[in-house]
């Protein structure tokens, strides 16, 4: 029996150790021995995304040994997953200190948003050219629960729907290269979107923008849809530039 097989039977209570003010999320054990590295990678990315990375300036340290224990696997696949996440810019290894979650600078965040604006506006163009009417109509139903003054009462829920809306726009492009390019970029962006949605009047402007985007997609107005999606994203970049001093 391999170490991986023996380790996979552990059922320790899941709890990663992270220094700093961010709340520690639950970590579920990895039950199947199939592809420990890929499963550890996906689970670790979920852990990082669920953290409130920008809530505090304190460093967030990930304990490799504890994470392996919580996942119920050996440390080798966790170490391999950490290396992949470091290549993708989610964590950084500090010699003799450990692994830390990467907190992007203001300039890096603005550059990511600018790149996203280009990808999502192209996705909007492709949607106007090929998406089914029923697919576009489904975008509208995502926001019905926030009508009649419910938006601010359900802001956390809206934040998640906001993220899903933008991911859906990308998926509806049906362009596999565009989707792949956007995947990791958006994982970084969703952490900053979660932080900024409650700032200033961004939630109100966000839902208005979304309705305008949907109308342009329904009308198959390619140029307007592209422009609205691009300007919506760049509006977030402007907001970060003006107000996100916690990124400096």
C-alpha atoms as a PDB file:
ATOM      1  CA  UNK A   1       0.000   0.000   0.000  1.00  0.00           C
ATOM      2  CA  UNK A   2       1.449   3.392  -0.985  1.00  0.00           C
ATOM      3  CA  UNK A   3       1.811   6.395   1.302  1.00  0.00           C
ATOM      4  CA  UNK A   4      -0.830   8.151  -0.811  1.00  0.00           C
ATOM      5  CA  UNK A   5      -3.296   5.286  -0.257  1.00  0.00           C
ATOM      6  CA  UNK A   6      -2.655   5.213   3.500  1.00  0.00           C
ATOM      7  CA  UNK A   7      -2.864   8.987   3.760  1.00  0.00           C
ATOM      8  CA  UNK A   8      -6.100   9.175   1.800  1.00  0.00           C
ATOM      9  CA  UNK A   9      -7.895   7.359   4.650  1.00  0.00           C
ATOM     10  CA  UNK A  10      -7.228  10.080   7.207  1.00  0.00           C
ATOM     11  CA  UNK A  11     -10.258  12.045   8.386  1.00  0.00           C
ATOM     12  CA  UNK A  12      -8.848  14.966  10.344  1.00  0.00           C
ATOM     13  CA  UNK A  13     -11.142  17.905  11.012  1.00  0.00           C
ATOM     14  CA  UNK A  14     -10.391  20.362   8.174  1.00  0.00           C
ATOM     15  CA  UNK A  15      -8.907  23.725   9.160  1.00  0.00           C
ATOM     16  CA  UNK A  16      -5.999  25.440   7.352  1.00  0.00           C
ATOM     17  CA  UNK A  17      -3.762  27.698   9.377  1.00  0.00           C
ATOM     18  CA  UNK A  18      -3.390  31.161   7.938  1.00  0.00           C
ATOM     19  CA  UNK A  19      -1.696  34.006   9.763  1.00  0.00           C
ATOM     20  CA  UNK A  20      -3.454  37.357   9.491  1.00  0.00           C
ATOM     21  CA  UNK A  21      -6.949  38.734   9.847  1.00  0.00           C
ATOM     22  CA  UNK A  22      -8.558  36.767   7.016  1.00  0.00           C
ATOM     23  CA  UNK A  23     -10.987  34.107   8.182  1.00  0.00           C
ATOM     24  CA  UNK A  24      -9.755  30.530   7.747  1.00  0.00           C
ATOM     25  CA  UNK A  25     -12.058  28.582   5.405  1.00  0.00           C
ATOM     26  CA  UNK A  26     -13.024  24.951   5.820  1.00  0.00           C
ATOM     27  CA  UNK A  27     -10.945  22.439   3.907  1.00  0.00           C
ATOM     28  CA  UNK A  28     -12.664  19.211   2.915  1.00  0.00           C
ATOM     29  CA  UNK A  29     -10.689  15.940   2.862  1.00  0.00           C
ATOM     30  CA  UNK A  30      -9.768  14.597  -0.570  1.00  0.00           C
ATOM     31  CA  UNK A  31     -11.430  11.201  -0.501  1.00  0.00           C
ATOM     32  CA  UNK A  32     -10.334   9.673  -3.800  1.00  0.00           C
ATOM     33  CA  UNK A  33      -6.743   8.576  -4.545  1.00  0.00           C
ATOM     34  CA  UNK A  34      -7.266   9.513  -8.204  1.00  0.00           C
ATOM     35  CA  UNK A  35      -4.878  12.247  -9.290  1.00  0.00           C
ATOM     36  CA  UNK A  36      -3.941  13.604  -5.866  1.00  0.00           C
ATOM     37  CA  UNK A  37      -1.989  16.517  -7.362  1.00  0.00           C
ATOM     38  CA  UNK A  38      -4.848  17.811  -9.535  1.00  0.00           C
ATOM     39  CA  UNK A  39      -7.369  17.424  -6.732  1.00  0.00           C
ATOM     40  CA  UNK A  40      -5.057  19.132  -4.242  1.00  0.00           C
ATOM     41  CA  UNK A  41      -4.510  21.936  -6.760  1.00  0.00           C
ATOM     42  CA  UNK A  42      -8.265  22.499  -7.212  1.00  0.00           C
ATOM     43  CA  UNK A  43      -8.916  22.316  -3.468  1.00  0.00           C
ATOM     44  CA  UNK A  44      -6.096  24.735  -2.648  1.00  0.00           C
ATOM     45  CA  UNK A  45      -7.270  27.220  -5.251  1.00  0.00           C
ATOM     46  CA  UNK A  46     -10.764  27.078  -3.738  1.00  0.00           C
ATOM     47  CA  UNK A  47      -9.257  27.749  -0.305  1.00  0.00           C
ATOM     48  CA  UNK A  48      -7.364  30.792  -1.582  1.00  0.00           C
ATOM     49  CA  UNK A  49     -10.327  32.233  -3.508  1.00  0.00           C
ATOM     50  CA  UNK A  50     -12.590  31.852  -0.467  1.00  0.00           C
ATOM     51  CA  UNK A  51     -10.228  33.913   1.700  1.00  0.00           C
ATOM     52  CA  UNK A  52     -10.815  37.623   2.169  1.00  0.00           C
ATOM     53  CA  UNK A  53      -7.332  38.361   0.858  1.00  0.00           C
ATOM     54  CA  UNK A  54      -7.750  42.136   0.687  1.00  0.00           C
ATOM     55  CA  UNK A  55      -9.430  42.592   4.066  1.00  0.00           C
ATOM     56  CA  UNK A  56      -6.129  43.094   5.841  1.00  0.00           C
ATOM     57  CA  UNK A  57      -2.521  43.931   5.002  1.00  0.00           C
ATOM     58  CA  UNK A  58      -1.328  41.031   7.171  1.00  0.00           C
ATOM     59  CA  UNK A  59       0.428  38.182   5.392  1.00  0.00           C
ATOM     60  CA  UNK A  60      -1.574  34.987   4.956  1.00  0.00           C
ATOM     61  CA  UNK A  61       0.608  31.926   5.435  1.00  0.00           C
ATOM     62  CA  UNK A  62      -0.414  28.466   4.250  1.00  0.00           C
ATOM     63  CA  UNK A  63       0.820  25.546   6.351  1.00  0.00           C
ATOM     64  CA  UNK A  64       1.756  22.755   3.929  1.00  0.00           C
ATOM     65  CA  UNK A  65       1.855  20.086   6.630  1.00  0.00           C
ATOM     66  CA  UNK A  66      -1.495  21.083   8.096  1.00  0.00           C
ATOM     67  CA  UNK A  67      -3.147  21.310   4.680  1.00  0.00           C
ATOM     68  CA  UNK A  68      -1.959  17.801   3.801  1.00  0.00           C
ATOM     69  CA  UNK A  69      -3.380  16.596   7.094  1.00  0.00           C
ATOM     70  CA  UNK A  70      -6.719  18.323   6.480  1.00  0.00           C
ATOM     71  CA  UNK A  71      -6.974  17.030   2.905  1.00  0.00           C
ATOM     72  CA  UNK A  72      -6.129  13.524   4.112  1.00  0.00           C
ATOM     73  CA  UNK A  73      -3.215  13.062   1.687  1.00  0.00           C
ATOM     74  CA  UNK A  74       0.586  13.090   1.811  1.00  0.00           C
ATOM     75  CA  UNK A  75       2.576  16.323   1.577  1.00  0.00           C
ATOM     76  CA  UNK A  76       3.999  15.558  -1.876  1.00  0.00           C
ATOM     77  CA  UNK A  77       0.858  16.353  -3.934  1.00  0.00           C
ATOM     78  CA  UNK A  78       0.243  19.434  -1.780  1.00  0.00           C
ATOM     79  CA  UNK A  79       3.806  20.604  -2.459  1.00  0.00           C
ATOM     80  CA  UNK A  80       3.340  19.979  -6.210  1.00  0.00           C
ATOM     81  CA  UNK A  81       0.026  21.853  -6.193  1.00  0.00           C
ATOM     82  CA  UNK A  82       1.663  24.761  -4.349  1.00  0.00           C
ATOM     83  CA  UNK A  83       4.368  24.912  -7.032  1.00  0.00           C
ATOM     84  CA  UNK A  84       1.734  25.128  -9.767  1.00  0.00           C
ATOM     85  CA  UNK A  85      -0.164  27.834  -7.894  1.00  0.00           C
ATOM     86  CA  UNK A  86       3.076  29.779  -7.493  1.00  0.00           C
ATOM     87  CA  UNK A  87       3.643  29.654 -11.257  1.00  0.00           C
ATOM     88  CA  UNK A  88       0.130  31.043 -11.724  1.00  0.00           C
ATOM     89  CA  UNK A  89       0.736  33.888  -9.282  1.00  0.00           C
ATOM     90  CA  UNK A  90      -1.542  32.796  -6.429  1.00  0.00           C
ATOM     91  CA  UNK A  91       1.116  32.021  -3.820  1.00  0.00           C
ATOM     92  CA  UNK A  92       4.787  32.780  -3.234  1.00  0.00           C
ATOM     93  CA  UNK A  93       7.412  30.685  -1.485  1.00  0.00           C
ATOM     94  CA  UNK A  94       9.659  32.483   0.996  1.00  0.00           C
ATOM     95  CA  UNK A  95      12.778  30.476   1.892  1.00  0.00           C
ATOM     96  CA  UNK A  96      12.817  29.295   5.517  1.00  0.00           C
ATOM     97  CA  UNK A  97       9.489  31.029   6.150  1.00  0.00           C
ATOM     98  CA  UNK A  98       6.853  29.176   4.155  1.00  0.00           C
ATOM     99  CA  UNK A  99       4.171  29.690   1.509  1.00  0.00           C
ATOM    100  CA  UNK A 100       2.161  32.918   1.430  1.00  0.00           C
ATOM    101  CA  UNK A 101      -0.960  33.924  -0.484  1.00  0.00           C
ATOM    102  CA  UNK A 102      -0.151  36.625  -3.034  1.00  0.00           C
ATOM    103  CA  UNK A 103      -1.898  39.952  -2.591  1.00  0.00           C
ATOM    104  CA  UNK A 104      -1.763  41.873  -5.884  1.00  0.00           C
ATOM    105  CA  UNK A 105      -0.658  45.501  -6.035  1.00  0.00           C
ATOM    106  CA  UNK A 106      -2.960  48.214  -7.322  1.00  0.00           C
ATOM    107  CA  UNK A 107      -1.071  48.376 -10.625  1.00  0.00           C
ATOM    108  CA  UNK A 108      -1.261  44.606 -11.095  1.00  0.00           C
ATOM    109  CA  UNK A 109      -5.007  44.595 -10.380  1.00  0.00           C
ATOM    110  CA  UNK A 110      -5.633  47.394 -12.884  1.00  0.00           C
ATOM    111  CA  UNK A 111      -3.621  45.551 -15.534  1.00  0.00           C
ATOM    112  CA  UNK A 112      -5.630  42.366 -14.943  1.00  0.00           C
ATOM    113  CA  UNK A 113      -8.923  44.249 -15.210  1.00  0.00           C
ATOM    114  CA  UNK A 114      -7.766  45.891 -18.456  1.00  0.00           C
ATOM    115  CA  UNK A 115      -6.909  42.492 -19.942  1.00  0.00           C
ATOM    116  CA  UNK A 116     -10.259  41.141 -18.767  1.00  0.00           C
ATOM    117  CA  UNK A 117     -12.066  44.036 -20.470  1.00  0.00           C
ATOM    118  CA  UNK A 118     -10.539  43.006 -23.798  1.00  0.00           C
ATOM    119  CA  UNK A 119     -11.484  39.331 -23.374  1.00  0.00           C
ATOM    120  CA  UNK A 120     -15.031  39.918 -22.142  1.00  0.00           C
ATOM    121  CA  UNK A 121     -15.837  42.515 -24.806  1.00  0.00           C
ATOM    122  CA  UNK A 122     -14.792  40.016 -27.485  1.00  0.00           C
ATOM    123  CA  UNK A 123     -16.976  37.418 -25.796  1.00  0.00           C
ATOM    124  CA  UNK A 124     -19.896  39.870 -26.039  1.00  0.00           C
ATOM    125  CA  UNK A 125     -19.263  40.256 -29.768  1.00  0.00           C
ATOM    126  CA  UNK A 126     -19.322  36.485 -30.249  1.00  0.00           C
ATOM    127  CA  UNK A 127     -22.533  36.173 -28.234  1.00  0.00           C
ATOM    128  CA  UNK A 128     -24.364  38.637 -30.487  1.00  0.00           C
ATOM    129  CA  UNK A 129     -23.277  36.601 -33.480  1.00  0.00           C
ATOM    130  CA  UNK A 130     -24.037  33.059 -32.351  1.00  0.00           C
ATOM    131  CA  UNK A 131     -25.724  32.646 -28.954  1.00  0.00           C
ATOM    132  CA  UNK A 132     -29.246  31.279 -28.665  1.00  0.00           C
ATOM    133  CA  UNK A 133     -31.962  33.720 -27.584  1.00  0.00           C
ATOM    134  CA  UNK A 134     -32.785  31.455 -24.644  1.00  0.00           C
ATOM    135  CA  UNK A 135     -29.199  31.674 -23.394  1.00  0.00           C
ATOM    136  CA  UNK A 136     -29.264  35.449 -23.442  1.00  0.00           C
ATOM    137  CA  UNK A 137     -32.688  35.505 -21.765  1.00  0.00           C
ATOM    138  CA  UNK A 138     -31.260  33.361 -18.942  1.00  0.00           C
ATOM    139  CA  UNK A 139     -28.864  36.178 -18.083  1.00  0.00           C
ATOM    140  CA  UNK A 140     -31.810  38.389 -17.181  1.00  0.00           C
ATOM    141  CA  UNK A 141     -33.274  35.854 -14.759  1.00  0.00           C
ATOM    142  CA  UNK A 142     -30.069  35.937 -12.713  1.00  0.00           C
ATOM    143  CA  UNK A 143     -31.040  39.356 -11.340  1.00  0.00           C
ATOM    144  CA  UNK A 144     -34.782  39.019 -10.683  1.00  0.00           C
ATOM    145  CA  UNK A 145     -34.253  38.303  -6.989  1.00  0.00           C
ATOM    146  CA  UNK A 146     -32.630  41.725  -6.524  1.00  0.00           C
ATOM    147  CA  UNK A 147     -35.624  43.772  -7.701  1.00  0.00           C
ATOM    148  CA  UNK A 148     -37.849  45.921  -5.467  1.00  0.00           C
ATOM    149  CA  UNK A 149     -35.081  47.233  -3.252  1.00  0.00           C
ATOM    150  CA  UNK A 150     -33.603  43.821  -2.444  1.00  0.00           C
ATOM    151  CA  UNK A 151     -30.129  44.590  -3.788  1.00  0.00           C
ATOM    152  CA  UNK A 152     -28.536  46.076  -0.679  1.00  0.00           C
ATOM    153  CA  UNK A 153     -30.345  43.673   1.630  1.00  0.00           C
ATOM    154  CA  UNK A 154     -28.712  40.774  -0.220  1.00  0.00           C
ATOM    155  CA  UNK A 155     -25.365  42.304  -1.159  1.00  0.00           C
ATOM    156  CA  UNK A 156     -23.265  39.200  -0.418  1.00  0.00           C
ATOM    157  CA  UNK A 157     -25.550  37.114  -2.599  1.00  0.00           C
ATOM    158  CA  UNK A 158     -25.446  39.731  -5.341  1.00  0.00           C
ATOM    159  CA  UNK A 159     -21.651  39.699  -5.241  1.00  0.00           C
ATOM    160  CA  UNK A 160     -21.673  36.006  -6.158  1.00  0.00           C
ATOM    161  CA  UNK A 161     -24.293  36.493  -8.894  1.00  0.00           C
ATOM    162  CA  UNK A 162     -22.232  39.377 -10.267  1.00  0.00           C
ATOM    163  CA  UNK A 163     -19.223  37.068 -10.551  1.00  0.00           C
ATOM    164  CA  UNK A 164     -21.310  34.320 -12.159  1.00  0.00           C
ATOM    165  CA  UNK A 165     -22.709  36.808 -14.707  1.00  0.00           C
ATOM    166  CA  UNK A 166     -19.242  37.693 -15.964  1.00  0.00           C
ATOM    167  CA  UNK A 167     -18.137  34.065 -16.050  1.00  0.00           C
ATOM    168  CA  UNK A 168     -21.256  33.190 -18.029  1.00  0.00           C
ATOM    169  CA  UNK A 169     -20.532  35.908 -20.596  1.00  0.00           C
ATOM    170  CA  UNK A 170     -17.140  34.297 -21.183  1.00  0.00           C
ATOM    171  CA  UNK A 171     -18.571  30.767 -21.433  1.00  0.00           C
ATOM    172  CA  UNK A 172     -21.278  31.849 -23.852  1.00  0.00           C
ATOM    173  CA  UNK A 173     -18.598  32.936 -26.337  1.00  0.00           C
ATOM    174  CA  UNK A 174     -17.970  29.225 -27.028  1.00  0.00           C
ATOM    175  CA  UNK A 175     -14.373  30.157 -27.844  1.00  0.00           C
ATOM    176  CA  UNK A 176     -12.176  27.622 -26.045  1.00  0.00           C
ATOM    177  CA  UNK A 177      -8.993  29.718 -26.285  1.00  0.00           C
ATOM    178  CA  UNK A 178     -10.713  32.812 -24.906  1.00  0.00           C
ATOM    179  CA  UNK A 179     -12.244  30.755 -22.086  1.00  0.00           C
ATOM    180  CA  UNK A 180      -8.862  29.270 -21.166  1.00  0.00           C
ATOM    181  CA  UNK A 181      -7.156  32.673 -21.180  1.00  0.00           C
ATOM    182  CA  UNK A 182      -9.855  34.123 -18.936  1.00  0.00           C
ATOM    183  CA  UNK A 183      -9.932  31.310 -16.369  1.00  0.00           C
ATOM    184  CA  UNK A 184      -6.990  32.106 -14.086  1.00  0.00           C
ATOM    185  CA  UNK A 185      -7.283  35.822 -14.754  1.00  0.00           C
ATOM    186  CA  UNK A 186     -10.816  35.829 -13.416  1.00  0.00           C
ATOM    187  CA  UNK A 187      -9.852  33.760 -10.380  1.00  0.00           C
ATOM    188  CA  UNK A 188      -7.550  36.619  -9.394  1.00  0.00           C
ATOM    189  CA  UNK A 189     -10.213  39.194 -10.253  1.00  0.00           C
ATOM    190  CA  UNK A 190     -13.046  37.634  -8.320  1.00  0.00           C
ATOM    191  CA  UNK A 191     -11.180  38.303  -5.067  1.00  0.00           C
ATOM    192  CA  UNK A 192     -11.007  42.019  -5.815  1.00  0.00           C
ATOM    193  CA  UNK A 193     -14.583  42.092  -7.169  1.00  0.00           C
ATOM    194  CA  UNK A 194     -15.825  40.657  -3.884  1.00  0.00           C
ATOM    195  CA  UNK A 195     -14.020  43.435  -2.025  1.00  0.00           C
ATOM    196  CA  UNK A 196     -15.118  46.343  -4.237  1.00  0.00           C
ATOM    197  CA  UNK A 197     -18.804  45.515  -4.832  1.00  0.00           C
ATOM    198  CA  UNK A 198     -19.886  47.173  -1.586  1.00  0.00           C
ATOM    199  CA  UNK A 199     -17.785  50.300  -2.042  1.00  0.00           C
ATOM    200  CA  UNK A 200     -19.188  53.669  -3.108  1.00  0.00           C
ATOM    201  CA  UNK A 201     -22.317  52.968  -5.224  1.00  0.00           C
ATOM    202  CA  UNK A 202     -20.771  50.149  -7.232  1.00  0.00           C
ATOM    203  CA  UNK A 203     -23.587  47.640  -6.615  1.00  0.00           C
ATOM    204  CA  UNK A 204     -26.264  49.994  -7.986  1.00  0.00           C
ATOM    205  CA  UNK A 205     -24.167  50.919 -11.008  1.00  0.00           C
ATOM    206  CA  UNK A 206     -23.251  47.288 -11.540  1.00  0.00           C
ATOM    207  CA  UNK A 207     -26.813  46.051 -11.869  1.00  0.00           C
ATOM    208  CA  UNK A 208     -27.748  48.968 -14.151  1.00  0.00           C
ATOM    209  CA  UNK A 209     -24.787  48.166 -16.380  1.00  0.00           C
ATOM    210  CA  UNK A 210     -25.723  44.501 -16.470  1.00  0.00           C
ATOM    211  CA  UNK A 211     -29.262  45.275 -17.602  1.00  0.00           C
ATOM    212  CA  UNK A 212     -27.943  47.514 -20.385  1.00  0.00           C
ATOM    213  CA  UNK A 213     -25.516  44.799 -21.491  1.00  0.00           C
ATOM    214  CA  UNK A 214     -28.303  42.222 -21.607  1.00  0.00           C
ATOM    215  CA  UNK A 215     -30.495  44.563 -23.678  1.00  0.00           C
ATOM    216  CA  UNK A 216     -27.675  45.048 -26.198  1.00  0.00           C
ATOM    217  CA  UNK A 217     -27.104  41.296 -26.423  1.00  0.00           C
ATOM    218  CA  UNK A 218     -30.822  40.649 -26.912  1.00  0.00           C
ATOM    219  CA  UNK A 219     -30.896  43.239 -29.709  1.00  0.00           C
ATOM    220  CA  UNK A 220     -27.802  41.645 -31.327  1.00  0.00           C
ATOM    221  CA  UNK A 221     -26.242  45.114 -31.262  1.00  0.00           C
ATOM    222  CA  UNK A 222     -22.642  43.992 -31.525  1.00  0.00           C
ATOM    223  CA  UNK A 223     -20.874  47.327 -31.200  1.00  0.00           C
ATOM    224  CA  UNK A 224     -23.004  48.521 -28.289  1.00  0.00           C
ATOM    225  CA  UNK A 225     -22.618  45.208 -26.458  1.00  0.00           C
ATOM    226  CA  UNK A 226     -18.832  45.313 -26.909  1.00  0.00           C
ATOM    227  CA  UNK A 227     -18.622  48.920 -25.747  1.00  0.00           C
ATOM    228  CA  UNK A 228     -20.854  48.394 -22.718  1.00  0.00           C
ATOM    229  CA  UNK A 229     -18.958  45.323 -21.526  1.00  0.00           C
ATOM    230  CA  UNK A 230     -15.583  46.980 -22.038  1.00  0.00           C
ATOM    231  CA  UNK A 231     -16.609  50.201 -20.286  1.00  0.00           C
ATOM    232  CA  UNK A 232     -18.176  48.255 -17.424  1.00  0.00           C
ATOM    233  CA  UNK A 233     -14.870  46.490 -16.756  1.00  0.00           C
ATOM    234  CA  UNK A 234     -12.808  49.637 -17.189  1.00  0.00           C
ATOM    235  CA  UNK A 235     -15.128  51.343 -14.714  1.00  0.00           C
ATOM    236  CA  UNK A 236     -13.898  48.853 -12.135  1.00  0.00           C
ATOM    237  CA  UNK A 237     -10.302  49.737 -13.082  1.00  0.00           C
ATOM    238  CA  UNK A 238     -11.091  53.439 -12.545  1.00  0.00           C
ATOM    239  CA  UNK A 239     -12.634  52.647  -9.163  1.00  0.00           C
ATOM    240  CA  UNK A 240      -9.562  50.699  -8.082  1.00  0.00           C
ATOM    241  CA  UNK A 241      -7.301  53.542  -9.204  1.00  0.00           C
ATOM    242  CA  UNK A 242      -9.260  56.139  -7.200  1.00  0.00           C
ATOM    243  CA  UNK A 243     -10.332  54.282  -4.076  1.00  0.00           C
ATOM    244  CA  UNK A 244      -8.413  51.026  -3.527  1.00  0.00           C
ATOM    245  CA  UNK A 245      -5.655  52.497  -1.367  1.00  0.00           C
ATOM    246  CA  UNK A 246      -5.580  49.232   0.604  1.00  0.00           C
ATOM    247  CA  UNK A 247      -3.786  47.705  -2.420  1.00  0.00           C
ATOM    248  CA  UNK A 248      -0.741  49.972  -2.064  1.00  0.00           C
END
